[in-house]
Amino acid sequence: MAEAEIVVQLRTQSPAELTGPVGAARPADVHGWLARRFGVTAEPLHPGGDPDSARWLRVGVPAGADAEAVAAALRARPDVEAAYVKPPADLP
C-alpha cells in the first residue's frame, strides 16, 4: 500500500495574520501539531509560488496509517479551510 496524500488549504495567508493573542489559531502551528499528533510533516503544495499558494500544503501519510482520520482532524482545526485525502492516480 502506497503513502496517502492529504491536500490542505489554510484559512489565512498573510504573515501579519499569523500573529495574535496566545491561544489564537495560527496556520504556522499546523506543522508542529501534525508532527506531535500524527508524526507526519506538511510541505508546500506549490513551493516558490505566489503568496496565495502558501495557503496550500501537502501532507504525506505513511502506508497503514489512517489518512482519513488525519484529514478529519485537520478539518476540525479553526485555521484549516479544507483538507481531503487525494484519490490515487488512475493508471493509463
PDB file of N, CA and C in Angstrom:
ATOM      1  N   MET A   1       0.853  -1.187   0.000  1.00  0.00           N
ATOM      2  CA  MET A   1       0.000   0.000   0.000  1.00  0.00           C
ATOM      3  C   MET A   1       0.894   1.244   0.000  1.00  0.00           C
ATOM      4  N   ALA A   2       0.593   2.192  -0.846  1.00  0.00           N
ATOM      5  CA  ALA A   2       1.408   3.395  -1.003  1.00  0.00           C
ATOM      6  C   ALA A   2       1.015   4.454   0.024  1.00  0.00           C
ATOM      7  N   GLU A   3       1.903   5.417   0.144  1.00  0.00           N
ATOM      8  CA  GLU A   3       1.644   6.559   1.006  1.00  0.00           C
ATOM      9  C   GLU A   3       0.419   7.311   0.497  1.00  0.00           C
ATOM     10  N   ALA A   4      -0.419   7.770   1.430  1.00  0.00           N
ATOM     11  CA  ALA A   4      -1.574   8.593   1.054  1.00  0.00           C
ATOM     12  C   ALA A   4      -1.158  10.059   1.108  1.00  0.00           C
ATOM     13  N   GLU A   5      -1.843  10.879   0.332  1.00  0.00           N
ATOM     14  CA  GLU A   5      -1.549  12.304   0.296  1.00  0.00           C
ATOM     15  C   GLU A   5      -2.798  13.085   0.690  1.00  0.00           C
ATOM     16  N   ILE A   6      -2.618  14.025   1.614  1.00  0.00           N
ATOM     17  CA  ILE A   6      -3.698  14.916   2.023  1.00  0.00           C
ATOM     18  C   ILE A   6      -3.360  16.304   1.510  1.00  0.00           C
ATOM     19  N   VAL A   7      -4.332  16.958   0.888  1.00  0.00           N
ATOM     20  CA  VAL A   7      -4.178  18.329   0.432  1.00  0.00           C
ATOM     21  C   VAL A   7      -4.912  19.212   1.435  1.00  0.00           C
ATOM     22  N   VAL A   8      -4.230  20.264   1.901  1.00  0.00           N
ATOM     23  CA  VAL A   8      -4.760  21.139   2.947  1.00  0.00           C
ATOM     24  C   VAL A   8      -4.778  22.576   2.444  1.00  0.00           C
ATOM     25  N   GLN A   9      -5.879  23.269   2.703  1.00  0.00           N
ATOM     26  CA  GLN A   9      -5.972  24.704   2.429  1.00  0.00           C
ATOM     27  C   GLN A   9      -6.145  25.418   3.768  1.00  0.00           C
ATOM     28  N   LEU A  10      -5.202  26.312   4.078  1.00  0.00           N
ATOM     29  CA  LEU A  10      -5.273  27.079   5.316  1.00  0.00           C
ATOM     30  C   LEU A  10      -6.194  28.271   5.144  1.00  0.00           C
ATOM     31  N   ARG A  11      -6.758  28.742   6.242  1.00  0.00           N
ATOM     32  CA  ARG A  11      -7.681  29.885   6.190  1.00  0.00           C
ATOM     33  C   ARG A  11      -6.967  31.204   5.971  1.00  0.00           C
ATOM     34  N   THR A  12      -5.815  31.414   6.590  1.00  0.00           N
ATOM     35  CA  THR A  12      -5.144  32.705   6.491  1.00  0.00           C
ATOM     36  C   THR A  12      -3.909  32.581   5.631  1.00  0.00           C
ATOM     37  N   GLN A  13      -3.499  33.686   5.049  1.00  0.00           N
ATOM     38  CA  GLN A  13      -2.323  33.659   4.199  1.00  0.00           C
ATOM     39  C   GLN A  13      -1.322  34.738   4.551  1.00  0.00           C
ATOM     40  N   SER A  14      -1.737  35.816   5.149  1.00  0.00           N
ATOM     41  CA  SER A  14      -0.849  36.938   5.414  1.00  0.00           C
ATOM     42  C   SER A  14       0.016  36.666   6.644  1.00  0.00           C
ATOM     43  N   PRO A  15       1.339  36.889   6.561  1.00  0.00           N
ATOM     44  CA  PRO A  15       2.179  36.712   7.744  1.00  0.00           C
ATOM     45  C   PRO A  15       1.710  37.579   8.905  1.00  0.00           C
ATOM     46  N   ALA A  16       1.110  38.741   8.620  1.00  0.00           N
ATOM     47  CA  ALA A  16       0.605  39.594   9.693  1.00  0.00           C
ATOM     48  C   ALA A  16      -0.533  38.910  10.438  1.00  0.00           C
ATOM     49  N   GLU A  17      -1.274  38.058   9.749  1.00  0.00           N
ATOM     50  CA  GLU A  17      -2.387  37.353  10.370  1.00  0.00           C
ATOM     51  C   GLU A  17      -1.920  36.174  11.215  1.00  0.00           C
ATOM     52  N   LEU A  18      -0.658  35.812  11.106  1.00  0.00           N
ATOM     53  CA  LEU A  18      -0.146  34.677  11.868  1.00  0.00           C
ATOM     54  C   LEU A  18       0.171  35.050  13.311  1.00  0.00           C
ATOM     55  N   THR A  19       0.179  36.326  13.623  1.00  0.00           N
ATOM     56  CA  THR A  19       0.432  36.748  14.987  1.00  0.00           C
ATOM     57  C   THR A  19      -0.897  37.072  15.638  1.00  0.00           C
ATOM     58  N   GLY A  20      -0.978  36.870  16.890  1.00  0.00           N
ATOM     59  CA  GLY A  20      -2.217  37.148  17.591  1.00  0.00           C
ATOM     60  C   GLY A  20      -2.061  36.794  19.044  1.00  0.00           C
ATOM     61  N   PRO A  21      -3.128  36.904  19.802  1.00  0.00           N
ATOM     62  CA  PRO A  21      -3.043  36.593  21.219  1.00  0.00           C
ATOM     63  C   PRO A  21      -2.682  35.129  21.444  1.00  0.00           C
ATOM     64  N   VAL A  22      -2.083  34.868  22.579  1.00  0.00           N
ATOM     65  CA  VAL A  22      -1.735  33.486  22.925  1.00  0.00           C
ATOM     66  C   VAL A  22      -3.008  32.656  22.890  1.00  0.00           C
ATOM     67  N   GLY A  23      -2.944  31.501  22.278  1.00  0.00           N
ATOM     68  CA  GLY A  23      -4.101  30.633  22.169  1.00  0.00           C
ATOM     69  C   GLY A  23      -4.877  30.828  20.881  1.00  0.00           C
ATOM     70  N   ALA A  24      -4.578  31.882  20.139  1.00  0.00           N
ATOM     71  CA  ALA A  24      -5.269  32.098  18.872  1.00  0.00           C
ATOM     72  C   ALA A  24      -4.777  31.065  17.861  1.00  0.00           C
ATOM     73  N   ALA A  25      -5.669  30.624  17.001  1.00  0.00           N
ATOM     74  CA  ALA A  25      -5.280  29.664  15.969  1.00  0.00           C
ATOM     75  C   ALA A  25      -4.366  30.350  14.968  1.00  0.00           C
ATOM     76  N   ARG A  26      -3.239  29.715  14.658  1.00  0.00           N
ATOM     77  CA  ARG A  26      -2.295  30.268  13.684  1.00  0.00           C
ATOM     78  C   ARG A  26      -1.888  29.161  12.730  1.00  0.00           C
ATOM     79  N   PRO A  27      -1.982  29.396  11.419  1.00  0.00           N
ATOM     80  CA  PRO A  27      -1.608  28.362  10.460  1.00  0.00           C
ATOM     81  C   PRO A  27      -0.188  27.846  10.644  1.00  0.00           C
ATOM     82  N   ALA A  28       0.716  28.684  11.127  1.00  0.00           N
ATOM     83  CA  ALA A  28       2.089  28.224  11.339  1.00  0.00           C
ATOM     84  C   ALA A  28       2.139  27.074  12.339  1.00  0.00           C
ATOM     85  N   ASP A  29       1.137  26.969  13.192  1.00  0.00           N
ATOM     86  CA  ASP A  29       1.099  25.903  14.188  1.00  0.00           C
ATOM     87  C   ASP A  29       0.742  24.546  13.592  1.00  0.00           C
ATOM     88  N   VAL A  30       0.196  24.520  12.391  1.00  0.00           N
ATOM     89  CA  VAL A  30      -0.230  23.263  11.775  1.00  0.00           C
ATOM     90  C   VAL A  30       0.946  22.300  11.642  1.00  0.00           C
ATOM     91  N   HIS A  31       2.099  22.809  11.248  1.00  0.00           N
ATOM     92  CA  HIS A  31       3.274  21.943  11.052  1.00  0.00           C
ATOM     93  C   HIS A  31       3.654  21.210  12.338  1.00  0.00           C
ATOM     94  N   GLY A  32       3.799  21.937  13.427  1.00  0.00           N
ATOM     95  CA  GLY A  32       4.169  21.320  14.697  1.00  0.00           C
ATOM     96  C   GLY A  32       3.088  20.388  15.215  1.00  0.00           C
ATOM     97  N   TRP A  33       1.839  20.782  15.043  1.00  0.00           N
ATOM     98  CA  TRP A  33       0.717  19.964  15.503  1.00  0.00           C
ATOM     99  C   TRP A  33       0.680  18.623  14.772  1.00  0.00           C
ATOM    100  N   LEU A  34       0.881  18.637  13.455  1.00  0.00           N
ATOM    101  CA  LEU A  34       0.905  17.390  12.689  1.00  0.00           C
ATOM    102  C   LEU A  34       2.023  16.468  13.159  1.00  0.00           C
ATOM    103  N   ALA A  35       3.190  17.038  13.409  1.00  0.00           N
ATOM    104  CA  ALA A  35       4.330  16.231  13.855  1.00  0.00           C
ATOM    105  C   ALA A  35       4.061  15.622  15.231  1.00  0.00           C
ATOM    106  N   ARG A  36       3.525  16.421  16.147  1.00  0.00           N
ATOM    107  CA  ARG A  36       3.260  15.925  17.506  1.00  0.00           C
ATOM    108  C   ARG A  36       2.134  14.903  17.540  1.00  0.00           C
ATOM    109  N   ARG A  37       1.064  15.183  16.855  1.00  0.00           N
ATOM    110  CA  ARG A  37      -0.126  14.335  16.959  1.00  0.00           C
ATOM    111  C   ARG A  37      -0.067  13.086  16.084  1.00  0.00           C
ATOM    112  N   PHE A  38       0.463  13.227  14.865  1.00  0.00           N
ATOM    113  CA  PHE A  38       0.422  12.109  13.917  1.00  0.00           C
ATOM    114  C   PHE A  38       1.796  11.651  13.435  1.00  0.00           C
ATOM    115  N   GLY A  39       2.847  12.383  13.771  1.00  0.00           N
ATOM    116  CA  GLY A  39       4.187  12.019  13.312  1.00  0.00           C
ATOM    117  C   GLY A  39       4.384  12.219  11.824  1.00  0.00           C
ATOM    118  N   VAL A  40       3.650  13.154  11.224  1.00  0.00           N
ATOM    119  CA  VAL A  40       3.769  13.445   9.796  1.00  0.00           C
ATOM    120  C   VAL A  40       4.167  14.904   9.616  1.00  0.00           C
ATOM    121  N   THR A  41       4.625  15.231   8.419  1.00  0.00           N
ATOM    122  CA  THR A  41       5.031  16.596   8.140  1.00  0.00           C
ATOM    123  C   THR A  41       4.240  17.154   6.960  1.00  0.00           C
ATOM    124  N   ALA A  42       4.144  18.470   6.941  1.00  0.00           N
ATOM    125  CA  ALA A  42       3.489  19.167   5.833  1.00  0.00           C
ATOM    126  C   ALA A  42       4.553  19.899   5.042  1.00  0.00           C
ATOM    127  N   GLU A  43       4.332  19.999   3.751  1.00  0.00           N
ATOM    128  CA  GLU A  43       5.232  20.748   2.883  1.00  0.00           C
ATOM    129  C   GLU A  43       4.376  21.571   1.929  1.00  0.00           C
ATOM    130  N   PRO A  44       4.934  22.629   1.364  1.00  0.00           N
ATOM    131  CA  PRO A  44       4.150  23.435   0.426  1.00  0.00           C
ATOM    132  C   PRO A  44       3.699  22.598  -0.771  1.00  0.00           C
ATOM    133  N   LEU A  45       2.470  22.789  -1.167  1.00  0.00           N
ATOM    134  CA  LEU A  45       1.958  22.096  -2.344  1.00  0.00           C
ATOM    135  C   LEU A  45       2.551  22.699  -3.609  1.00  0.00           C
ATOM    136  N   HIS A  46       2.771  24.017  -3.589  1.00  0.00           N
ATOM    137  CA  HIS A  46       3.341  24.741  -4.731  1.00  0.00           C
ATOM    138  C   HIS A  46       4.536  25.559  -4.245  1.00  0.00           C
ATOM    139  N   PRO A  47       5.683  24.935  -3.994  1.00  0.00           N
ATOM    140  CA  PRO A  47       6.837  25.685  -3.481  1.00  0.00           C
ATOM    141  C   PRO A  47       7.263  26.795  -4.433  1.00  0.00           C
ATOM    142  N   GLY A  48       7.602  27.934  -3.868  1.00  0.00           N
ATOM    143  CA  GLY A  48       8.086  29.042  -4.666  1.00  0.00           C
ATOM    144  C   GLY A  48       7.004  29.787  -5.414  1.00  0.00           C
ATOM    145  N   GLY A  49       5.735  29.488  -5.129  1.00  0.00           N
ATOM    146  CA  GLY A  49       4.639  30.153  -5.825  1.00  0.00           C
ATOM    147  C   GLY A  49       4.334  31.519  -5.229  1.00  0.00           C
ATOM    148  N   ASP A  50       3.243  32.093  -5.669  1.00  0.00           N
ATOM    149  CA  ASP A  50       2.832  33.398  -5.157  1.00  0.00           C
ATOM    150  C   ASP A  50       2.364  33.259  -3.702  1.00  0.00           C
ATOM    151  N   PRO A  51       2.152  34.380  -3.008  1.00  0.00           N
ATOM    152  CA  PRO A  51       1.762  34.305  -1.589  1.00  0.00           C
ATOM    153  C   PRO A  51       0.488  33.500  -1.345  1.00  0.00           C
ATOM    154  N   ASP A  52      -0.457  33.529  -2.269  1.00  0.00           N
ATOM    155  CA  ASP A  52      -1.682  32.760  -2.066  1.00  0.00           C
ATOM    156  C   ASP A  52      -1.402  31.261  -2.062  1.00  0.00           C
ATOM    157  N   SER A  53      -0.398  30.833  -2.802  1.00  0.00           N
ATOM    158  CA  SER A  53      -0.098  29.400  -2.853  1.00  0.00           C
ATOM    159  C   SER A  53       0.462  28.894  -1.524  1.00  0.00           C
ATOM    160  N   ALA A  54       0.924  29.790  -0.658  1.00  0.00           N
ATOM    161  CA  ALA A  54       1.426  29.387   0.659  1.00  0.00           C
ATOM    162  C   ALA A  54       0.312  28.822   1.533  1.00  0.00           C
ATOM    163  N   ARG A  55      -0.930  29.073   1.159  1.00  0.00           N
ATOM    164  CA  ARG A  55      -2.072  28.542   1.909  1.00  0.00           C
ATOM    165  C   ARG A  55      -2.268  27.053   1.673  1.00  0.00           C
ATOM    166  N   TRP A  56      -1.627  26.487   0.677  1.00  0.00           N
ATOM    167  CA  TRP A  56      -1.839  25.097   0.288  1.00  0.00           C
ATOM    168  C   TRP A  56      -0.675  24.231   0.737  1.00  0.00           C
ATOM    169  N   LEU A  57      -0.977  23.126   1.400  1.00  0.00           N
ATOM    170  CA  LEU A  57       0.036  22.196   1.900  1.00  0.00           C
ATOM    171  C   LEU A  57      -0.253  20.789   1.399  1.00  0.00           C
ATOM    172  N   ARG A  58       0.800  19.994   1.395  1.00  0.00           N
ATOM    173  CA  ARG A  58       0.702  18.567   1.100  1.00  0.00           C
ATOM    174  C   ARG A  58       1.200  17.823   2.331  1.00  0.00           C
ATOM    175  N   VAL A  59       0.419  16.857   2.781  1.00  0.00           N
ATOM    176  CA  VAL A  59       0.788  16.042   3.936  1.00  0.00           C
ATOM    177  C   VAL A  59       0.873  14.601   3.468  1.00  0.00           C
ATOM    178  N   GLY A  60       2.041  13.999   3.608  1.00  0.00           N
ATOM    179  CA  GLY A  60       2.215  12.590   3.271  1.00  0.00           C
ATOM    180  C   GLY A  60       1.916  11.736   4.493  1.00  0.00           C
ATOM    181  N   VAL A  61       1.023  10.766   4.340  1.00  0.00           N
ATOM    182  CA  VAL A  61       0.657   9.870   5.436  1.00  0.00           C
ATOM    183  C   VAL A  61       1.156   8.480   5.067  1.00  0.00           C
ATOM    184  N   PRO A  62       1.983   7.875   5.928  1.00  0.00           N
ATOM    185  CA  PRO A  62       2.569   6.574   5.587  1.00  0.00           C
ATOM    186  C   PRO A  62       1.516   5.493   5.369  1.00  0.00           C
ATOM    187  N   ALA A  63       1.886   4.531   4.571  1.00  0.00           N
ATOM    188  CA  ALA A  63       1.017   3.377   4.331  1.00  0.00           C
ATOM    189  C   ALA A  63       0.666   2.734   5.668  1.00  0.00           C
ATOM    190  N   GLY A  64      -0.570   2.336   5.792  1.00  0.00           N
ATOM    191  CA  GLY A  64      -1.019   1.684   7.017  1.00  0.00           C
ATOM    192  C   GLY A  64      -1.603   2.655   8.032  1.00  0.00           C
ATOM    193  N   ALA A  65      -1.326   3.948   7.905  1.00  0.00           N
ATOM    194  CA  ALA A  65      -1.898   4.949   8.810  1.00  0.00           C
ATOM    195  C   ALA A  65      -3.262   5.369   8.273  1.00  0.00           C
ATOM    196  N   ASP A  66      -4.094   5.901   9.134  1.00  0.00           N
ATOM    197  CA  ASP A  66      -5.451   6.302   8.761  1.00  0.00           C
ATOM    198  C   ASP A  66      -5.455   7.737   8.235  1.00  0.00           C
ATOM    199  N   ALA A  67      -5.275   7.888   6.930  1.00  0.00           N
ATOM    200  CA  ALA A  67      -5.210   9.211   6.314  1.00  0.00           C
ATOM    201  C   ALA A  67      -6.521   9.969   6.492  1.00  0.00           C
ATOM    202  N   GLU A  68      -7.643   9.282   6.452  1.00  0.00           N
ATOM    203  CA  GLU A  68      -8.938   9.957   6.610  1.00  0.00           C
ATOM    204  C   GLU A  68      -9.071  10.543   8.018  1.00  0.00           C
ATOM    205  N   ALA A  69      -8.522   9.865   9.020  1.00  0.00           N
ATOM    206  CA  ALA A  69      -8.564  10.397  10.387  1.00  0.00           C
ATOM    207  C   ALA A  69      -7.705  11.659  10.504  1.00  0.00           C
ATOM    208  N   VAL A  70      -6.561  11.667   9.828  1.00  0.00           N
ATOM    209  CA  VAL A  70      -5.699  12.857   9.827  1.00  0.00           C
ATOM    210  C   VAL A  70      -6.420  14.009   9.139  1.00  0.00           C
ATOM    211  N   ALA A  71      -7.053  13.747   7.993  1.00  0.00           N
ATOM    212  CA  ALA A  71      -7.782  14.789   7.267  1.00  0.00           C
ATOM    213  C   ALA A  71      -8.944  15.320   8.107  1.00  0.00           C
ATOM    214  N   ALA A  72      -9.662  14.441   8.784  1.00  0.00           N
ATOM    215  CA  ALA A  72     -10.790  14.873   9.624  1.00  0.00           C
ATOM    216  C   ALA A  72     -10.296  15.748  10.778  1.00  0.00           C
ATOM    217  N   ALA A  73      -9.186  15.371  11.384  1.00  0.00           N
ATOM    218  CA  ALA A  73      -8.628  16.178  12.479  1.00  0.00           C
ATOM    219  C   ALA A  73      -8.183  17.542  11.962  1.00  0.00           C
ATOM    220  N   LEU A  74      -7.616  17.581  10.768  1.00  0.00           N
ATOM    221  CA  LEU A  74      -7.236  18.863  10.163  1.00  0.00           C
ATOM    222  C   LEU A  74      -8.465  19.728   9.915  1.00  0.00           C
ATOM    223  N   ARG A  75      -9.526  19.134   9.376  1.00  0.00           N
ATOM    224  CA  ARG A  75     -10.749  19.906   9.102  1.00  0.00           C
ATOM    225  C   ARG A  75     -11.366  20.474  10.378  1.00  0.00           C
ATOM    226  N   ALA A  76     -11.116  19.848  11.499  1.00  0.00           N
ATOM    227  CA  ALA A  76     -11.666  20.323  12.778  1.00  0.00           C
ATOM    228  C   ALA A  76     -10.901  21.532  13.325  1.00  0.00           C
ATOM    229  N   ARG A  77      -9.732  21.811  12.789  1.00  0.00           N
ATOM    230  CA  ARG A  77      -8.942  22.966  13.252  1.00  0.00           C
ATOM    231  C   ARG A  77      -9.545  24.262  12.711  1.00  0.00           C
ATOM    232  N   PRO A  78      -9.566  25.317  13.531  1.00  0.00           N
ATOM    233  CA  PRO A  78     -10.133  26.590  13.068  1.00  0.00           C
ATOM    234  C   PRO A  78      -9.283  27.293  12.015  1.00  0.00           C
ATOM    235  N   ASP A  79      -8.011  26.927  11.887  1.00  0.00           N
ATOM    236  CA  ASP A  79      -7.143  27.581  10.914  1.00  0.00           C
ATOM    237  C   ASP A  79      -7.054  26.826   9.597  1.00  0.00           C
ATOM    238  N   VAL A  80      -7.879  25.784   9.439  1.00  0.00           N
ATOM    239  CA  VAL A  80      -7.891  24.991   8.206  1.00  0.00           C
ATOM    240  C   VAL A  80      -9.224  25.181   7.502  1.00  0.00           C
ATOM    241  N   GLU A  81      -9.154  25.614   6.255  1.00  0.00           N
ATOM    242  CA  GLU A  81     -10.358  25.807   5.429  1.00  0.00           C
ATOM    243  C   GLU A  81     -10.861  24.472   4.893  1.00  0.00           C
ATOM    244  N   ALA A  82      -9.929  23.628   4.413  1.00  0.00           N
ATOM    245  CA  ALA A  82     -10.304  22.348   3.820  1.00  0.00           C
ATOM    246  C   ALA A  82      -9.134  21.382   3.916  1.00  0.00           C
ATOM    247  N   ALA A  83      -9.468  20.095   3.974  1.00  0.00           N
ATOM    248  CA  ALA A  83      -8.451  19.039   3.944  1.00  0.00           C
ATOM    249  C   ALA A  83      -9.121  17.785   3.385  1.00  0.00           C
ATOM    250  N   TYR A  84      -8.471  17.182   2.400  1.00  0.00           N
ATOM    251  CA  TYR A  84      -9.037  15.970   1.826  1.00  0.00           C
ATOM    252  C   TYR A  84      -7.928  15.013   1.432  1.00  0.00           C
ATOM    253  N   VAL A  85      -8.255  13.735   1.460  1.00  0.00           N
ATOM    254  CA  VAL A  85      -7.319  12.706   1.011  1.00  0.00           C
ATOM    255  C   VAL A  85      -7.420  12.669  -0.504  1.00  0.00           C
ATOM    256  N   LYS A  86      -6.296  12.891  -1.141  1.00  0.00           N
ATOM    257  CA  LYS A  86      -6.236  12.912  -2.607  1.00  0.00           C
ATOM    258  C   LYS A  86      -6.412  11.481  -3.117  1.00  0.00           C
ATOM    259  N   PRO A  87      -7.334  11.277  -4.045  1.00  0.00           N
ATOM    260  CA  PRO A  87      -7.505   9.925  -4.591  1.00  0.00           C
ATOM    261  C   PRO A  87      -6.256   9.486  -5.349  1.00  0.00           C
ATOM    262  N   PRO A  88      -5.983   8.197  -5.384  1.00  0.00           N
ATOM    263  CA  PRO A  88      -4.823   7.720  -6.134  1.00  0.00           C
ATOM    264  C   PRO A  88      -4.998   8.019  -7.630  1.00  0.00           C
ATOM    265  N   ALA A  89      -3.894   8.221  -8.286  1.00  0.00           N
ATOM    266  CA  ALA A  89      -3.921   8.465  -9.734  1.00  0.00           C
ATOM    267  C   ALA A  89      -4.341   7.195 -10.454  1.00  0.00           C
ATOM    268  N   ASP A  90      -5.134   7.354 -11.482  1.00  0.00           N
ATOM    269  CA  ASP A  90      -5.545   6.213 -12.308  1.00  0.00           C
ATOM    270  C   ASP A  90      -4.400   5.828 -13.232  1.00  0.00           C
ATOM    271  N   LEU A  91      -4.222   4.557 -13.395  1.00  0.00           N
ATOM    272  CA  LEU A  91      -3.233   4.075 -14.357  1.00  0.00           C
ATOM    273  C   LEU A  91      -3.804   4.181 -15.765  1.00  0.00           C
ATOM    274  N   PRO A  92      -2.957   4.467 -16.749  1.00  0.00           N
ATOM    275  CA  PRO A  92      -3.464   4.581 -18.124  1.00  0.00           C
ATOM    276  C   PRO A  92      -3.993   3.264 -18.654  1.00  0.00           C
TER     277      PRO A  92
END
